[in-house]
Amino acid sequence: MGFQQGLSGLNAASKSLDVIGNNISNANTVGFKQAQVQFADVYANSLSGASANAVGIGVRVSTIAQQFTQGNISSTNNPLDTAINGNGFFRMIKNGAVTYTRNGQFQLDKNGGLVNAQGQQLTGYIANAAGVLSTGSASPITINTADIAPAQTAKVSGVMNLDSREYVPGTQKPVTIPPVITPIAFSPTDPTSYNKSTSVTVFDSLGNSHVLQTYYVRVDPVATPPATAGTIEWNVFATVDGNPFDAAGALTPAATTPTPIGKLAFDNMGKLTGAIPAYAATDPRALQMIVPVASGAVTPINTTANIKFDYTNSTQFGSDFSVSSMKQDGFTSGKLSKFNTAKDGTIVGSYTNGQTKVLGQVVLASFTNSNGLQSLGDNQWAETSESGQPLVGPPNSGGLGALTASATEDSNTDLTGELVNMITAQRVYQANSQTIKTQDQILQTIVNLR
């Protein structure tokens, strides 16, 4: 009799309803991957093999395959939340056990580690104090929340135009007209003793800020012949926090006329040909400044530091004085204010002093056969012999997906499709129960034969 076929059909339909119910119940589970029941028919075999007229004896569940399709990406208010857009799994570790997940809901633990709700720590590449990543092997990521140390200014990059129509200070004659012109002595408090000035904030080794102001004075080529024919020079004077200093970095006494720290030389086409004294033979347009800057709060100015003042791309044209840019590389100390995860998994911290630094990099893992992974619950999977070994690398490379910060990946459960599947499974269950009922009626007829 055909009770076996109907009974196996009932079991298969019941298993299908279980899977559908599980999919629907996890419709709001972050990173959940819906499953699909796959069936196979069953035939009875004898020692001589199956007959050509053999009738199947039912159905069985072949496998329950998870569908690793992409879920929708939803924005969140948590900057630690991270979604994978594409292939790959987050690599998690706890007590030496490594698992994999698509759930990117993370938070910081008391030690600065990025952990999930189960206390498993996200792994990746660790950055040293200078922000350089160690890409040898993946390790638990710990965010360094310590203050960033100050950095003393070592370079100032300035791009400006010095007006070629300017006169030597104290005269009303162009510098190219004789007789010899005797300019007035430079004084930072006398605007008539220099042509133009500009300033930039620099920092000492303790992160204290100082105002470094530079003054530009047109040189009379008759009174002071240039080093090269056709060259026009400008003297450069400087003060730090209002105190003049000379080329050796020594402060100028109040009773002494300040001396220039160097010169800028331009050719007759208005291009900068070099700085005197040059910082290095290979960098002739960078002026070497020895700047007296403070190293503490007790004595205002007590140390000197070499600052490379790079004037590359500066010009001397017949147009108004202008400063296109004035940048320096020093900064004061700063506290970590926030951090963000880039598409390639790089975690970049932002500090209150305007600086940024790489704090680490998230890695992803991929498998040759994702369906071979073992489901552990809590949105976790484990590696098996069927899945193959994980291929670990940075996101957005090697076929791995890109990361999206302040976002999570929704469940890929299709509610509409699952409800339709539920109706179908229900009808299959009813149909199989009907075959059992029919077989029962036939058996009852046979039993009632007289």
Protein backbone atom coordinates (compact mmCIF):
# COMPACT_ATOMS: atom_id res chain seq x y z
CA MET A 1 0.00 0.00 0.00
CA GLY A 2 1.10 3.63 -0.57
CA PHE A 3 1.12 4.87 2.99
CA GLN A 4 4.90 5.32 2.86
CA GLN A 5 4.78 7.83 0.03
CA GLY A 6 2.11 9.94 1.71
CA LEU A 7 3.88 9.78 5.06
CA SER A 8 7.22 10.91 3.56
CA GLY A 9 5.37 13.71 1.77
CA LEU A 10 3.85 14.87 5.06
CA ASN A 11 7.28 14.86 6.70
CA ALA A 12 8.81 16.78 3.79
CA ALA A 13 6.01 19.37 3.75
CA SER A 14 6.31 19.75 7.53
CA LYS A 15 10.08 20.31 7.23
CA SER A 16 9.46 22.87 4.48
CA LEU A 17 7.01 24.73 6.72
CA ASP A 18 9.59 24.70 9.53
CA VAL A 19 12.19 26.31 7.28
CA ILE A 20 9.70 28.86 5.95
CA GLY A 21 8.65 29.71 9.49
CA ASN A 22 12.28 30.16 10.50
CA ASN A 23 12.88 32.47 7.55
CA ILE A 24 9.85 34.57 8.43
CA SER A 25 10.75 34.73 12.12
CA ASN A 26 14.18 36.12 11.18
CA ALA A 27 12.91 38.72 8.74
CA ASN A 28 14.27 41.46 11.03
CA THR A 29 17.50 39.69 12.05
CA VAL A 30 20.55 41.66 10.89
CA GLY A 31 22.74 39.66 8.53
CA PHE A 32 20.37 36.65 8.45
CA LYS A 33 20.45 34.46 5.34
CA GLN A 34 17.24 32.66 4.43
CA ALA A 35 17.29 28.90 3.84
CA GLN A 36 15.67 26.74 1.22
CA VAL A 37 14.66 23.09 1.53
CA GLN A 38 15.79 20.90 -1.35
CA PHE A 39 14.11 17.51 -1.84
CA ALA A 40 15.06 14.24 -3.51
CA ASP A 41 12.92 11.26 -4.52
CA VAL A 42 13.41 7.82 -2.96
CA TYR A 43 13.46 4.44 -4.74
CA ALA A 44 13.73 0.97 -3.22
CA ASN A 45 16.65 -1.11 -4.50
CA SER A 46 17.18 -4.87 -4.42
CA LEU A 47 20.39 -6.88 -4.76
CA SER A 48 19.76 -7.07 -8.49
CA GLY A 49 19.11 -3.35 -8.78
CA ALA A 50 15.96 -1.37 -9.29
CA SER A 51 13.37 -2.68 -11.72
CA ALA A 52 12.45 -0.69 -14.78
CA ASN A 53 8.92 -0.62 -13.45
CA ALA A 54 9.90 0.34 -9.91
CA VAL A 55 7.67 2.87 -8.20
CA GLY A 56 9.17 5.47 -5.91
CA ILE A 57 8.52 5.14 -2.21
CA GLY A 58 8.39 8.82 -1.38
CA VAL A 59 10.52 11.89 -0.87
CA ARG A 60 13.29 12.92 1.50
CA VAL A 61 14.99 16.18 2.45
CA SER A 62 18.21 16.33 0.45
CA THR A 63 19.62 19.45 2.09
CA ILE A 64 18.67 22.74 3.68
CA ALA A 65 20.69 25.28 1.69
CA GLN A 66 21.18 28.84 2.90
CA GLN A 67 20.92 31.55 0.29
CA PHE A 68 23.89 33.92 0.64
CA THR A 69 22.36 36.64 -1.49
CA GLN A 70 22.87 40.31 -0.63
CA GLY A 71 20.48 41.90 1.83
CA ASN A 72 19.47 45.55 1.74
CA ILE A 73 21.78 48.09 3.41
CA SER A 74 20.10 50.24 6.08
CA SER A 75 21.61 53.29 7.77
CA THR A 76 21.92 53.42 11.56
CA ASN A 77 22.92 55.99 14.17
CA ASN A 78 25.76 53.85 15.50
CA PRO A 79 29.13 54.75 13.88
CA LEU A 80 30.43 51.30 14.87
CA ASP A 81 27.81 49.46 12.80
CA THR A 82 29.28 48.13 9.56
CA ALA A 83 27.60 46.43 6.61
CA ILE A 84 29.18 44.22 3.96
CA ASN A 85 28.10 45.09 0.43
CA GLY A 86 29.17 42.05 -1.54
CA ASN A 87 30.96 38.81 -0.77
CA GLY A 88 32.64 37.94 2.51
CA PHE A 89 32.18 37.44 6.24
CA PHE A 90 33.44 39.28 9.30
CA ARG A 91 36.05 37.19 11.10
CA MET A 92 35.31 36.97 14.84
CA ILE A 93 37.28 35.40 17.67
CA LYS A 94 36.62 34.54 21.31
CA ASN A 95 38.74 32.35 23.56
CA GLY A 96 40.68 31.21 20.49
CA ALA A 97 37.57 30.02 18.62
CA VAL A 98 37.14 31.66 15.21
CA THR A 99 33.68 32.13 13.71
CA TYR A 100 32.26 34.10 10.80
CA THR A 101 29.25 36.39 10.54
CA ARG A 102 27.46 38.91 8.34
CA ASN A 103 26.04 40.79 11.33
CA GLY A 104 28.02 44.03 11.61
CA GLN A 105 26.48 45.37 14.83
CA PHE A 106 29.58 46.21 16.89
CA GLN A 107 30.36 48.12 20.05
CA LEU A 108 33.45 48.99 22.08
CA ASP A 109 34.26 46.95 25.15
CA LYS A 110 36.10 48.31 28.19
CA ASN A 111 39.47 47.55 26.55
CA GLY A 112 38.66 49.31 23.28
CA GLY A 113 37.94 46.09 21.39
CA LEU A 114 35.26 45.94 18.68
CA VAL A 115 32.88 43.22 19.86
CA ASN A 116 29.43 41.91 18.97
CA ALA A 117 26.55 41.09 21.30
CA GLN A 118 28.08 37.70 22.11
CA GLY A 119 31.39 39.24 23.20
CA GLN A 120 33.26 37.98 20.15
CA GLN A 121 35.95 40.40 18.94
CA LEU A 122 36.31 41.59 15.37
CA THR A 123 39.67 40.79 13.80
CA GLY A 124 41.81 42.68 11.32
CA TYR A 125 45.19 44.30 10.84
CA ILE A 126 46.70 46.24 13.75
CA ALA A 127 48.22 49.73 13.35
CA ASN A 128 51.25 50.92 15.29
CA ALA A 129 51.61 54.34 16.95
CA ALA A 130 52.51 55.91 13.60
CA GLY A 131 49.39 54.52 11.93
CA VAL A 132 51.26 51.90 9.86
CA LEU A 133 49.33 48.65 9.42
CA SER A 134 50.83 45.26 10.16
CA THR A 135 49.29 43.13 7.40
CA GLY A 136 50.93 39.83 8.28
CA SER A 137 48.03 38.09 10.00
CA ALA A 138 44.63 39.05 11.35
CA SER A 139 44.40 39.81 15.08
CA PRO A 140 41.67 41.15 17.37
CA ILE A 141 41.20 44.86 16.68
CA THR A 142 41.61 47.20 19.65
CA ILE A 143 40.98 50.91 19.17
CA ASN A 144 43.71 53.01 20.78
CA THR A 145 41.83 55.86 22.48
CA ALA A 146 44.97 57.55 23.82
CA ASP A 147 45.66 61.20 23.00
CA ILE A 148 47.72 61.88 19.91
CA ALA A 149 51.07 63.42 20.79
CA PRO A 150 52.00 66.88 19.46
CA ALA A 151 54.36 67.27 16.54
CA GLN A 152 56.81 70.14 16.15
CA THR A 153 56.58 72.10 12.92
CA ALA A 154 59.26 70.96 10.51
CA LYS A 155 57.99 72.39 7.22
CA VAL A 156 55.97 75.36 6.05
CA SER A 157 54.80 75.34 2.44
CA GLY A 158 53.93 78.73 1.01
CA VAL A 159 52.80 79.76 -2.45
CA MET A 160 52.59 83.50 -3.08
CA ASN A 161 53.09 86.22 -5.64
CA LEU A 162 55.39 89.15 -4.85
CA ASP A 163 54.44 92.24 -6.83
CA SER A 164 57.27 93.11 -9.25
CA ARG A 165 56.01 96.73 -9.37
CA GLU A 166 56.92 97.31 -5.73
CA TYR A 167 59.61 99.90 -4.84
CA VAL A 168 62.39 99.53 -2.32
CA PRO A 169 60.85 100.59 1.00
CA GLY A 170 61.50 104.23 1.83
CA THR A 171 61.70 105.33 -1.82
CA GLN A 172 59.29 106.30 -4.53
CA LYS A 173 61.42 105.00 -7.37
CA PRO A 174 61.43 101.64 -9.15
CA VAL A 175 64.43 99.52 -8.20
CA THR A 176 65.73 99.55 -11.74
CA ILE A 177 66.26 103.33 -11.82
CA PRO A 178 69.58 104.77 -10.58
CA PRO A 179 70.99 106.49 -8.61
CA VAL A 180 71.83 104.14 -5.78
CA ILE A 181 68.97 103.90 -3.33
CA THR A 182 69.54 103.68 0.38
CA PRO A 183 66.50 101.87 1.86
CA ILE A 184 65.31 102.54 5.36
CA ALA A 185 66.18 100.02 8.07
CA PHE A 186 63.71 97.19 8.56
CA SER A 187 61.56 97.17 11.65
CA PRO A 188 58.55 94.85 12.16
CA THR A 189 56.75 97.75 13.86
CA ASP A 190 57.27 100.10 10.89
CA PRO A 191 55.04 99.13 7.94
CA THR A 192 57.00 101.49 5.65
CA SER A 193 60.18 99.44 6.14
CA TYR A 194 58.88 96.35 4.32
CA ASN A 195 56.71 95.68 1.30
CA LYS A 196 54.46 92.84 2.40
CA SER A 197 54.11 90.30 5.21
CA THR A 198 52.23 87.15 6.01
CA SER A 199 51.99 84.84 9.01
CA VAL A 200 51.43 81.21 9.92
CA THR A 201 50.92 79.41 13.22
CA VAL A 202 53.66 76.91 14.08
CA PHE A 203 54.00 74.47 16.97
CA ASP A 204 56.86 73.51 19.26
CA SER A 205 57.66 70.03 20.59
CA LEU A 206 55.09 70.35 23.40
CA GLY A 207 52.32 71.45 21.07
CA ASN A 208 52.43 75.13 22.08
CA SER A 209 51.43 77.40 19.22
CA HIS A 210 53.51 80.38 18.03
CA VAL A 211 52.91 82.99 15.36
CA LEU A 212 55.68 82.96 12.78
CA GLN A 213 55.46 86.12 10.67
CA THR A 214 57.57 86.70 7.59
CA TYR A 215 58.29 90.07 5.96
CA TYR A 216 59.37 90.61 2.35
CA VAL A 217 61.57 93.57 1.37
CA ARG A 218 62.46 94.42 -2.22
CA VAL A 219 66.25 94.69 -2.71
CA ASP A 220 67.88 97.46 -4.77
CA PRO A 221 69.93 95.63 -7.45
CA VAL A 222 72.21 98.69 -7.86
CA ALA A 223 73.12 99.00 -4.20
CA THR A 224 73.17 95.23 -3.70
CA PRO A 225 74.04 93.48 -6.97
CA PRO A 226 72.29 90.11 -7.37
CA ALA A 227 74.27 86.92 -7.56
CA THR A 228 73.15 86.27 -11.13
CA ALA A 229 72.52 88.74 -13.92
CA GLY A 230 68.81 89.33 -14.46
CA THR A 231 67.93 88.15 -10.94
CA ILE A 232 65.73 90.19 -8.64
CA GLU A 233 65.98 89.50 -4.93
CA TRP A 234 63.78 89.99 -1.90
CA ASN A 235 65.07 89.98 1.66
CA VAL A 236 63.08 87.86 4.07
CA PHE A 237 62.80 88.93 7.70
CA ALA A 238 60.93 87.01 10.38
CA THR A 239 59.53 87.27 13.89
CA VAL A 240 58.15 84.64 16.21
CA ASP A 241 55.50 85.86 18.61
CA GLY A 242 56.57 89.39 17.64
CA ASN A 243 60.28 88.83 18.42
CA PRO A 244 62.70 89.37 15.50
CA PHE A 245 65.47 86.80 14.97
CA ASP A 246 68.38 86.40 12.59
CA ALA A 247 69.53 83.65 10.20
CA ALA A 248 71.19 81.76 13.06
CA GLY A 249 67.97 81.67 15.06
CA ALA A 250 69.22 84.19 17.60
CA LEU A 251 66.81 86.77 18.95
CA THR A 252 67.56 90.34 17.93
CA PRO A 253 68.11 92.70 20.90
CA ALA A 254 65.76 95.65 20.99
CA ALA A 255 68.55 98.13 20.29
CA THR A 256 69.81 96.20 17.25
CA THR A 257 68.48 96.46 13.74
CA PRO A 258 67.07 93.06 12.67
CA THR A 259 68.95 91.20 9.96
CA PRO A 260 67.30 89.11 7.22
CA ILE A 261 67.10 85.37 7.62
CA GLY A 262 67.58 84.90 3.87
CA LYS A 263 66.66 85.96 0.36
CA LEU A 264 64.39 84.87 -2.46
CA ALA A 265 65.72 85.20 -6.00
CA PHE A 266 63.51 85.50 -9.11
CA ASP A 267 64.51 85.60 -12.78
CA ASN A 268 63.29 88.16 -15.30
CA MET A 269 60.34 85.89 -16.14
CA GLY A 270 59.05 86.09 -12.56
CA LYS A 271 59.95 82.51 -11.64
CA LEU A 272 61.59 81.62 -8.36
CA THR A 273 65.13 80.44 -9.00
CA GLY A 274 66.25 79.78 -5.47
CA ALA A 275 66.35 80.61 -1.77
CA ILE A 276 69.45 81.82 0.06
CA PRO A 277 70.51 80.03 2.18
CA ALA A 278 68.95 77.01 0.50
CA TYR A 279 67.74 74.21 2.72
CA ALA A 280 69.59 71.67 0.58
CA ALA A 281 71.29 71.53 -2.79
CA THR A 282 68.49 69.28 -4.04
CA ASP A 283 65.83 71.71 -2.83
CA PRO A 284 66.99 75.20 -3.84
CA ARG A 285 63.57 76.84 -3.50
CA ALA A 286 63.25 75.95 0.19
CA LEU A 287 64.65 78.46 2.66
CA GLN A 288 66.31 77.09 5.79
CA MET A 289 64.89 78.90 8.78
CA ILE A 290 66.30 78.44 12.27
CA VAL A 291 63.33 79.53 14.33
CA PRO A 292 63.46 80.13 18.09
CA VAL A 293 60.34 78.43 19.45
CA ALA A 294 59.22 77.65 22.97
CA SER A 295 59.61 74.21 24.49
CA GLY A 296 57.65 75.02 27.62
CA ALA A 297 55.40 77.54 29.27
CA VAL A 298 57.89 78.98 31.77
CA THR A 299 60.39 80.53 29.37
CA PRO A 300 58.58 81.95 26.33
CA ILE A 301 61.39 81.42 23.82
CA ASN A 302 64.33 79.25 24.71
CA THR A 303 65.04 76.70 21.97
CA THR A 304 65.64 76.74 18.24
CA ALA A 305 64.31 74.46 15.52
CA ASN A 306 65.06 74.12 11.82
CA ILE A 307 61.98 74.81 9.76
CA LYS A 308 62.00 74.19 6.05
CA PHE A 309 60.14 77.11 4.47
CA ASP A 310 59.32 75.86 0.96
CA TYR A 311 58.47 78.62 -1.53
CA THR A 312 58.25 76.34 -4.59
CA ASN A 313 55.75 77.66 -7.20
CA SER A 314 55.90 81.19 -5.78
CA THR A 315 56.17 83.95 -8.40
CA GLN A 316 57.08 87.60 -8.91
CA PHE A 317 54.67 88.99 -11.48
CA GLY A 318 53.32 92.47 -12.09
CA SER A 319 50.17 91.86 -10.08
CA ASP A 320 49.08 92.47 -6.51
CA PHE A 321 50.68 90.58 -3.66
CA SER A 322 48.70 87.43 -2.87
CA VAL A 323 49.10 84.29 -0.79
CA SER A 324 47.62 81.20 -2.45
CA SER A 325 48.43 78.82 0.37
CA MET A 326 50.34 78.68 3.62
CA LYS A 327 50.47 75.26 5.27
CA GLN A 328 52.56 73.75 8.04
CA ASP A 329 52.94 70.19 9.32
CA GLY A 330 52.96 70.71 13.10
CA PHE A 331 50.06 70.28 15.48
CA THR A 332 49.18 70.29 19.15
CA SER A 333 48.00 67.27 21.14
CA GLY A 334 44.50 65.99 20.51
CA LYS A 335 41.89 63.62 21.84
CA LEU A 336 40.10 60.99 19.80
CA SER A 337 36.71 62.47 18.92
CA LYS A 338 35.38 59.86 16.48
CA PHE A 339 36.44 57.24 14.01
CA ASN A 340 35.05 55.93 10.77
CA THR A 341 35.44 52.76 8.71
CA ALA A 342 36.26 53.21 5.03
CA LYS A 343 35.14 50.93 2.20
CA ASP A 344 38.45 49.07 2.33
CA GLY A 345 38.03 48.41 6.06
CA THR A 346 40.52 51.06 7.20
CA ILE A 347 39.50 52.50 10.57
CA VAL A 348 40.49 56.19 10.64
CA GLY A 349 40.39 58.15 13.88
CA SER A 350 39.67 61.89 13.96
CA TYR A 351 41.18 63.98 16.74
CA THR A 352 40.24 67.31 18.29
CA ASN A 353 43.39 68.94 16.83
CA GLY A 354 42.19 68.26 13.30
CA GLN A 355 44.52 65.32 12.71
CA THR A 356 43.56 61.86 11.50
CA LYS A 357 45.32 58.56 12.01
CA VAL A 358 44.81 54.97 10.89
CA LEU A 359 43.81 52.86 13.90
CA GLY A 360 43.44 49.49 12.18
CA GLN A 361 41.83 47.69 9.27
CA VAL A 362 38.96 45.21 9.23
CA VAL A 363 39.48 42.01 7.22
CA LEU A 364 36.90 39.80 5.53
CA ALA A 365 36.94 36.08 4.83
CA SER A 366 35.48 34.23 1.87
CA PHE A 367 34.96 30.51 1.21
CA THR A 368 34.93 28.43 -1.95
CA ASN A 369 31.70 26.77 -0.78
CA SER A 370 29.75 29.01 1.55
CA ASN A 371 26.96 26.43 1.78
CA GLY A 372 29.47 24.10 3.41
CA LEU A 373 29.66 26.36 6.48
CA GLN A 374 28.15 25.07 9.70
CA SER A 375 25.43 27.26 11.23
CA LEU A 376 26.06 27.89 14.91
CA GLY A 377 23.19 30.26 15.70
CA ASP A 378 23.61 33.87 16.83
CA ASN A 379 24.30 34.77 13.18
CA GLN A 380 27.53 32.75 13.31
CA TRP A 381 29.02 30.17 10.98
CA ALA A 382 31.99 27.87 11.43
CA GLU A 383 34.48 26.56 8.91
CA THR A 384 34.14 22.89 7.86
CA SER A 385 35.90 20.54 5.48
CA GLU A 386 33.04 21.13 3.03
CA SER A 387 33.40 24.91 3.03
CA GLY A 388 37.15 24.90 2.44
CA GLN A 389 39.66 27.09 4.17
CA PRO A 390 38.92 30.83 4.50
CA LEU A 391 40.57 33.32 2.16
CA VAL A 392 41.28 36.37 4.33
CA GLY A 393 41.99 39.84 2.95
CA PRO A 394 41.05 43.52 3.10
CA PRO A 395 37.55 44.50 1.92
CA ASN A 396 36.94 45.83 -1.58
CA SER A 397 39.73 43.67 -3.02
CA GLY A 398 40.11 40.17 -4.38
CA GLY A 399 36.40 39.64 -4.86
CA LEU A 400 35.54 40.68 -1.31
CA GLY A 401 32.77 43.18 -0.73
CA ALA A 402 33.10 46.79 0.32
CA LEU A 403 32.17 48.03 3.78
CA THR A 404 29.61 50.71 4.61
CA ALA A 405 29.96 52.46 7.96
CA SER A 406 26.98 53.43 10.15
CA ALA A 407 24.90 50.79 8.39
CA THR A 408 23.79 47.18 8.72
CA GLU A 409 22.77 44.49 6.26
CA ASP A 410 19.12 43.50 6.52
CA SER A 411 17.87 39.93 6.45
CA ASN A 412 17.52 38.69 2.86
CA THR A 413 14.20 37.01 3.68
CA ASP A 414 11.60 37.79 1.01
CA LEU A 415 8.40 37.96 3.04
CA THR A 416 6.12 37.94 0.00
CA GLY A 417 7.88 34.95 -1.48
CA GLU A 418 7.90 33.09 1.83
CA LEU A 419 4.15 33.61 2.31
CA VAL A 420 3.53 32.18 -1.16
CA ASN A 421 5.85 29.27 -0.33
CA MET A 422 3.88 28.72 2.87
CA ILE A 423 0.63 28.43 0.93
CA THR A 424 2.27 25.98 -1.47
CA ALA A 425 3.70 23.87 1.37
CA GLN A 426 0.30 23.86 3.06
CA ARG A 427 -1.35 22.58 -0.10
CA VAL A 428 1.36 19.93 -0.50
CA TYR A 429 0.70 18.80 3.08
CA GLN A 430 -3.04 18.61 2.38
CA ALA A 431 -2.45 16.68 -0.84
CA ASN A 432 -0.25 14.11 0.89
CA SER A 433 -2.76 13.71 3.69
CA GLN A 434 -5.36 13.13 1.01
CA THR A 435 -3.29 10.27 -0.49
CA ILE A 436 -3.13 8.64 2.95
CA LYS A 437 -6.89 9.07 3.32
CA THR A 438 -7.45 7.51 -0.09
CA GLN A 439 -5.19 4.56 0.71
CA ASP A 440 -7.11 4.13 3.96
CA GLN A 441 -10.40 4.00 2.07
CA ILE A 442 -9.00 1.40 -0.34
CA LEU A 443 -7.71 -0.69 2.55
CA GLN A 444 -11.09 -0.41 4.26
CA THR A 445 -12.76 -1.65 1.08
CA ILE A 446 -10.46 -4.67 0.93
CA VAL A 447 -11.02 -5.48 4.60
CA ASN A 448 -14.81 -5.31 4.12
CA LEU A 449 -14.79 -7.84 1.26
CA ARG A 450 -16.86 -10.94 2.05
